[in-house]
Amino acid sequence: MEKVIIDFLGYIAATITTIAFLPQIIKTVKSKSAKDVSMGMFVLFTTGVFLWIVYGILTSTYPVLIANAVIFCLALTQIILKIKYDRKEGKNK
């Protein structure tokens, strides 16, 4: 397959997997609660995404690099929201 087609496939996959995070973040912000979000899963996931970023840099694989950089920011946002709302819920008890 031509490199252009392969890169296009990578960018499409990257877009879909990146967009997949938005519903969870939107739900968390709207409900002002992250009690059903697993902190352990997000920390492990974010660590893995960071390693994909390093891989993308080292291999100059731009679809991997760009997608994972955006996903890293979204996952980090979810972790911050989890900490913020868990603290608020703890104070309200």
N, C-alpha and C. Protein backbone atom coordinates (compact mmCIF):
# COMPACT_ATOMS: atom_id res chain seq x y z
N MET A 1 0.84 -1.18 0.00
CA MET A 1 0.00 0.00 0.00
C MET A 1 0.88 1.24 0.00
N GLU A 2 0.40 2.27 -0.63
CA GLU A 2 1.17 3.51 -0.66
C GLU A 2 1.21 4.15 0.72
N LYS A 3 2.31 4.83 1.00
CA LYS A 3 2.49 5.49 2.30
C LYS A 3 1.37 6.49 2.57
N VAL A 4 0.91 7.20 1.56
CA VAL A 4 -0.15 8.19 1.73
C VAL A 4 -1.43 7.51 2.24
N ILE A 5 -1.77 6.37 1.68
CA ILE A 5 -2.97 5.64 2.09
C ILE A 5 -2.80 5.12 3.52
N ILE A 6 -1.63 4.61 3.82
CA ILE A 6 -1.35 4.10 5.16
C ILE A 6 -1.44 5.23 6.18
N ASP A 7 -0.84 6.37 5.87
CA ASP A 7 -0.92 7.52 6.78
C ASP A 7 -2.36 8.00 6.95
N PHE A 8 -3.12 8.03 5.86
CA PHE A 8 -4.52 8.43 5.93
C PHE A 8 -5.29 7.49 6.85
N LEU A 9 -5.06 6.21 6.73
CA LEU A 9 -5.69 5.22 7.61
C LEU A 9 -5.32 5.50 9.07
N GLY A 10 -4.06 5.81 9.30
CA GLY A 10 -3.60 6.14 10.64
C GLY A 10 -4.27 7.38 11.20
N TYR A 11 -4.43 8.40 10.37
CA TYR A 11 -5.09 9.62 10.83
C TYR A 11 -6.58 9.39 11.11
N ILE A 12 -7.23 8.58 10.31
CA ILE A 12 -8.65 8.25 10.55
C ILE A 12 -8.78 7.50 11.87
N ALA A 13 -7.95 6.48 12.07
CA ALA A 13 -7.98 5.72 13.33
C ALA A 13 -7.69 6.64 14.51
N ALA A 14 -6.73 7.51 14.36
CA ALA A 14 -6.35 8.44 15.42
C ALA A 14 -7.51 9.38 15.75
N THR A 15 -8.19 9.87 14.75
CA THR A 15 -9.32 10.77 14.97
C THR A 15 -10.44 10.08 15.74
N ILE A 16 -10.77 8.87 15.33
CA ILE A 16 -11.85 8.13 15.99
C ILE A 16 -11.51 7.82 17.44
N THR A 17 -10.29 7.33 17.69
CA THR A 17 -9.92 6.98 19.07
C THR A 17 -9.79 8.23 19.94
N THR A 18 -9.43 9.33 19.36
CA THR A 18 -9.33 10.57 20.12
C THR A 18 -10.72 11.09 20.47
N ILE A 19 -11.62 11.10 19.51
CA ILE A 19 -12.99 11.57 19.74
C ILE A 19 -13.69 10.71 20.79
N ALA A 20 -13.30 9.46 20.90
CA ALA A 20 -13.93 8.53 21.85
C ALA A 20 -13.84 9.03 23.30
N PHE A 21 -12.89 9.87 23.60
CA PHE A 21 -12.74 10.38 24.97
C PHE A 21 -13.70 11.52 25.29
N LEU A 22 -14.16 12.21 24.31
CA LEU A 22 -14.99 13.39 24.54
C LEU A 22 -16.29 13.09 25.30
N PRO A 23 -17.04 12.04 24.98
CA PRO A 23 -18.28 11.80 25.74
C PRO A 23 -18.05 11.64 27.24
N GLN A 24 -16.97 10.98 27.65
CA GLN A 24 -16.71 10.79 29.07
C GLN A 24 -16.38 12.13 29.74
N ILE A 25 -15.57 12.93 29.10
CA ILE A 25 -15.22 14.24 29.67
C ILE A 25 -16.46 15.13 29.75
N ILE A 26 -17.27 15.15 28.70
CA ILE A 26 -18.48 15.96 28.69
C ILE A 26 -19.43 15.51 29.80
N LYS A 27 -19.60 14.19 29.94
CA LYS A 27 -20.48 13.66 30.98
C LYS A 27 -19.97 14.05 32.37
N THR A 28 -18.66 13.96 32.58
CA THR A 28 -18.08 14.31 33.87
C THR A 28 -18.30 15.78 34.19
N VAL A 29 -18.09 16.64 33.21
CA VAL A 29 -18.27 18.08 33.43
C VAL A 29 -19.74 18.41 33.69
N LYS A 30 -20.64 17.83 32.90
CA LYS A 30 -22.07 18.12 33.08
C LYS A 30 -22.58 17.62 34.42
N SER A 31 -22.18 16.42 34.82
CA SER A 31 -22.68 15.84 36.06
C SER A 31 -21.91 16.32 37.29
N LYS A 32 -20.75 16.92 37.04
CA LYS A 32 -19.85 17.36 38.11
C LYS A 32 -19.52 16.20 39.06
N SER A 33 -19.39 15.03 38.46
CA SER A 33 -19.06 13.83 39.22
C SER A 33 -18.23 12.88 38.36
N ALA A 34 -17.25 12.26 39.01
CA ALA A 34 -16.42 11.27 38.33
C ALA A 34 -16.32 10.01 39.16
N LYS A 35 -17.33 9.78 40.00
CA LYS A 35 -17.27 8.64 40.92
C LYS A 35 -17.21 7.30 40.22
N ASP A 36 -17.75 7.20 39.01
CA ASP A 36 -17.73 5.94 38.28
C ASP A 36 -16.51 5.78 37.37
N VAL A 37 -15.62 6.76 37.39
CA VAL A 37 -14.41 6.71 36.57
C VAL A 37 -13.30 6.08 37.40
N SER A 38 -12.64 5.09 36.83
CA SER A 38 -11.55 4.40 37.54
C SER A 38 -10.25 5.19 37.40
N MET A 39 -9.75 5.68 38.53
CA MET A 39 -8.48 6.43 38.52
C MET A 39 -7.33 5.51 38.09
N GLY A 40 -7.32 4.28 38.59
CA GLY A 40 -6.26 3.35 38.22
C GLY A 40 -6.19 3.12 36.72
N MET A 41 -7.34 2.93 36.10
CA MET A 41 -7.38 2.71 34.65
C MET A 41 -6.85 3.93 33.91
N PHE A 42 -7.28 5.12 34.32
CA PHE A 42 -6.84 6.32 33.62
C PHE A 42 -5.35 6.60 33.81
N VAL A 43 -4.82 6.32 34.99
CA VAL A 43 -3.38 6.52 35.22
C VAL A 43 -2.58 5.55 34.36
N LEU A 44 -2.98 4.29 34.35
CA LEU A 44 -2.28 3.30 33.50
C LEU A 44 -2.40 3.66 32.03
N PHE A 45 -3.60 4.02 31.62
CA PHE A 45 -3.84 4.38 30.23
C PHE A 45 -2.99 5.58 29.82
N THR A 46 -2.98 6.60 30.66
CA THR A 46 -2.22 7.82 30.35
C THR A 46 -0.72 7.54 30.28
N THR A 47 -0.25 6.65 31.12
CA THR A 47 1.17 6.25 31.07
C THR A 47 1.46 5.56 29.74
N GLY A 48 0.58 4.66 29.34
CA GLY A 48 0.74 3.99 28.04
C GLY A 48 0.71 4.96 26.88
N VAL A 49 -0.20 5.92 26.93
CA VAL A 49 -0.29 6.94 25.88
C VAL A 49 0.99 7.76 25.82
N PHE A 50 1.54 8.10 26.98
CA PHE A 50 2.81 8.84 27.01
C PHE A 50 3.91 8.04 26.30
N LEU A 51 3.94 6.74 26.55
CA LEU A 51 4.94 5.89 25.88
C LEU A 51 4.71 5.83 24.37
N TRP A 52 3.44 5.86 23.94
CA TRP A 52 3.15 5.93 22.50
C TRP A 52 3.66 7.25 21.91
N ILE A 53 3.57 8.33 22.68
CA ILE A 53 4.09 9.62 22.22
C ILE A 53 5.60 9.50 22.00
N VAL A 54 6.29 8.92 22.96
CA VAL A 54 7.74 8.72 22.83
C VAL A 54 8.04 7.87 21.60
N TYR A 55 7.29 6.80 21.42
CA TYR A 55 7.46 5.93 20.25
C TYR A 55 7.25 6.72 18.97
N GLY A 56 6.18 7.53 18.92
CA GLY A 56 5.90 8.33 17.74
C GLY A 56 7.02 9.30 17.42
N ILE A 57 7.62 9.88 18.45
CA ILE A 57 8.75 10.79 18.26
C ILE A 57 9.95 10.03 17.72
N LEU A 58 10.27 8.92 18.36
CA LEU A 58 11.47 8.15 17.98
C LEU A 58 11.37 7.56 16.58
N THR A 59 10.16 7.24 16.14
CA THR A 59 9.98 6.61 14.83
C THR A 59 9.46 7.58 13.78
N SER A 60 9.23 8.82 14.17
CA SER A 60 8.65 9.84 13.28
C SER A 60 7.33 9.35 12.67
N THR A 61 6.54 8.68 13.48
CA THR A 61 5.23 8.19 13.06
C THR A 61 4.20 9.23 13.49
N TYR A 62 3.91 10.17 12.60
CA TYR A 62 3.11 11.33 12.97
C TYR A 62 1.67 11.01 13.35
N PRO A 63 0.98 10.08 12.68
CA PRO A 63 -0.38 9.78 13.16
C PRO A 63 -0.37 9.28 14.61
N VAL A 64 0.59 8.46 14.96
CA VAL A 64 0.71 7.95 16.33
C VAL A 64 1.04 9.08 17.28
N LEU A 65 1.98 9.91 16.91
CA LEU A 65 2.41 11.02 17.75
C LEU A 65 1.29 12.03 17.99
N ILE A 66 0.66 12.48 16.94
CA ILE A 66 -0.37 13.51 17.06
C ILE A 66 -1.58 12.99 17.84
N ALA A 67 -2.06 11.82 17.46
CA ALA A 67 -3.24 11.27 18.14
C ALA A 67 -2.98 11.07 19.62
N ASN A 68 -1.85 10.51 19.95
CA ASN A 68 -1.56 10.24 21.35
C ASN A 68 -1.27 11.50 22.14
N ALA A 69 -0.76 12.52 21.51
CA ALA A 69 -0.57 13.80 22.20
C ALA A 69 -1.93 14.39 22.58
N VAL A 70 -2.88 14.33 21.67
CA VAL A 70 -4.22 14.84 21.96
C VAL A 70 -4.91 13.96 23.01
N ILE A 71 -4.82 12.64 22.84
CA ILE A 71 -5.41 11.72 23.81
C ILE A 71 -4.80 11.92 25.19
N PHE A 72 -3.49 12.14 25.24
CA PHE A 72 -2.82 12.39 26.52
C PHE A 72 -3.44 13.60 27.22
N CYS A 73 -3.67 14.67 26.47
CA CYS A 73 -4.28 15.87 27.05
C CYS A 73 -5.69 15.59 27.54
N LEU A 74 -6.46 14.84 26.76
CA LEU A 74 -7.82 14.51 27.17
C LEU A 74 -7.84 13.60 28.39
N ALA A 75 -6.97 12.60 28.40
CA ALA A 75 -6.90 11.68 29.55
C ALA A 75 -6.44 12.42 30.80
N LEU A 76 -5.48 13.31 30.64
CA LEU A 76 -5.02 14.12 31.77
C LEU A 76 -6.14 15.03 32.28
N THR A 77 -6.93 15.56 31.37
CA THR A 77 -8.09 16.37 31.75
C THR A 77 -9.06 15.53 32.59
N GLN A 78 -9.30 14.29 32.16
CA GLN A 78 -10.21 13.43 32.91
C GLN A 78 -9.66 13.12 34.30
N ILE A 79 -8.36 12.91 34.39
CA ILE A 79 -7.74 12.65 35.70
C ILE A 79 -7.90 13.88 36.61
N ILE A 80 -7.66 15.06 36.07
CA ILE A 80 -7.82 16.29 36.86
C ILE A 80 -9.26 16.46 37.32
N LEU A 81 -10.21 16.20 36.41
CA LEU A 81 -11.63 16.29 36.78
C LEU A 81 -11.97 15.26 37.86
N LYS A 82 -11.43 14.07 37.74
CA LYS A 82 -11.67 13.02 38.74
C LYS A 82 -11.19 13.49 40.11
N ILE A 83 -9.98 14.01 40.18
CA ILE A 83 -9.43 14.49 41.45
C ILE A 83 -10.30 15.63 41.99
N LYS A 84 -10.63 16.59 41.14
CA LYS A 84 -11.42 17.76 41.55
C LYS A 84 -12.79 17.34 42.11
N TYR A 85 -13.52 16.53 41.35
CA TYR A 85 -14.87 16.18 41.76
C TYR A 85 -14.88 15.18 42.91
N ASP A 86 -13.89 14.29 42.98
CA ASP A 86 -13.81 13.37 44.12
C ASP A 86 -13.56 14.15 45.41
N ARG A 87 -12.74 15.19 45.35
CA ARG A 87 -12.48 16.02 46.54
C ARG A 87 -13.75 16.73 46.97
N LYS A 88 -14.50 17.29 45.99
CA LYS A 88 -15.74 17.98 46.32
C LYS A 88 -16.75 17.02 46.92
N GLU A 89 -16.87 15.83 46.35
CA GLU A 89 -17.81 14.83 46.88
C GLU A 89 -17.41 14.39 48.28
N GLY A 90 -16.12 14.31 48.54
CA GLY A 90 -15.62 13.95 49.87
C GLY A 90 -15.95 15.01 50.90
N LYS A 91 -15.88 16.28 50.51
CA LYS A 91 -16.19 17.38 51.42
C LYS A 91 -17.68 17.47 51.72
N ASN A 92 -18.50 17.04 50.76
CA ASN A 92 -19.96 17.13 50.93
C ASN A 92 -20.53 15.99 51.77
N LYS A 93 -19.74 15.02 52.12
CA LYS A 93 -20.24 13.88 52.89
C LYS A 93 -20.25 14.18 54.36
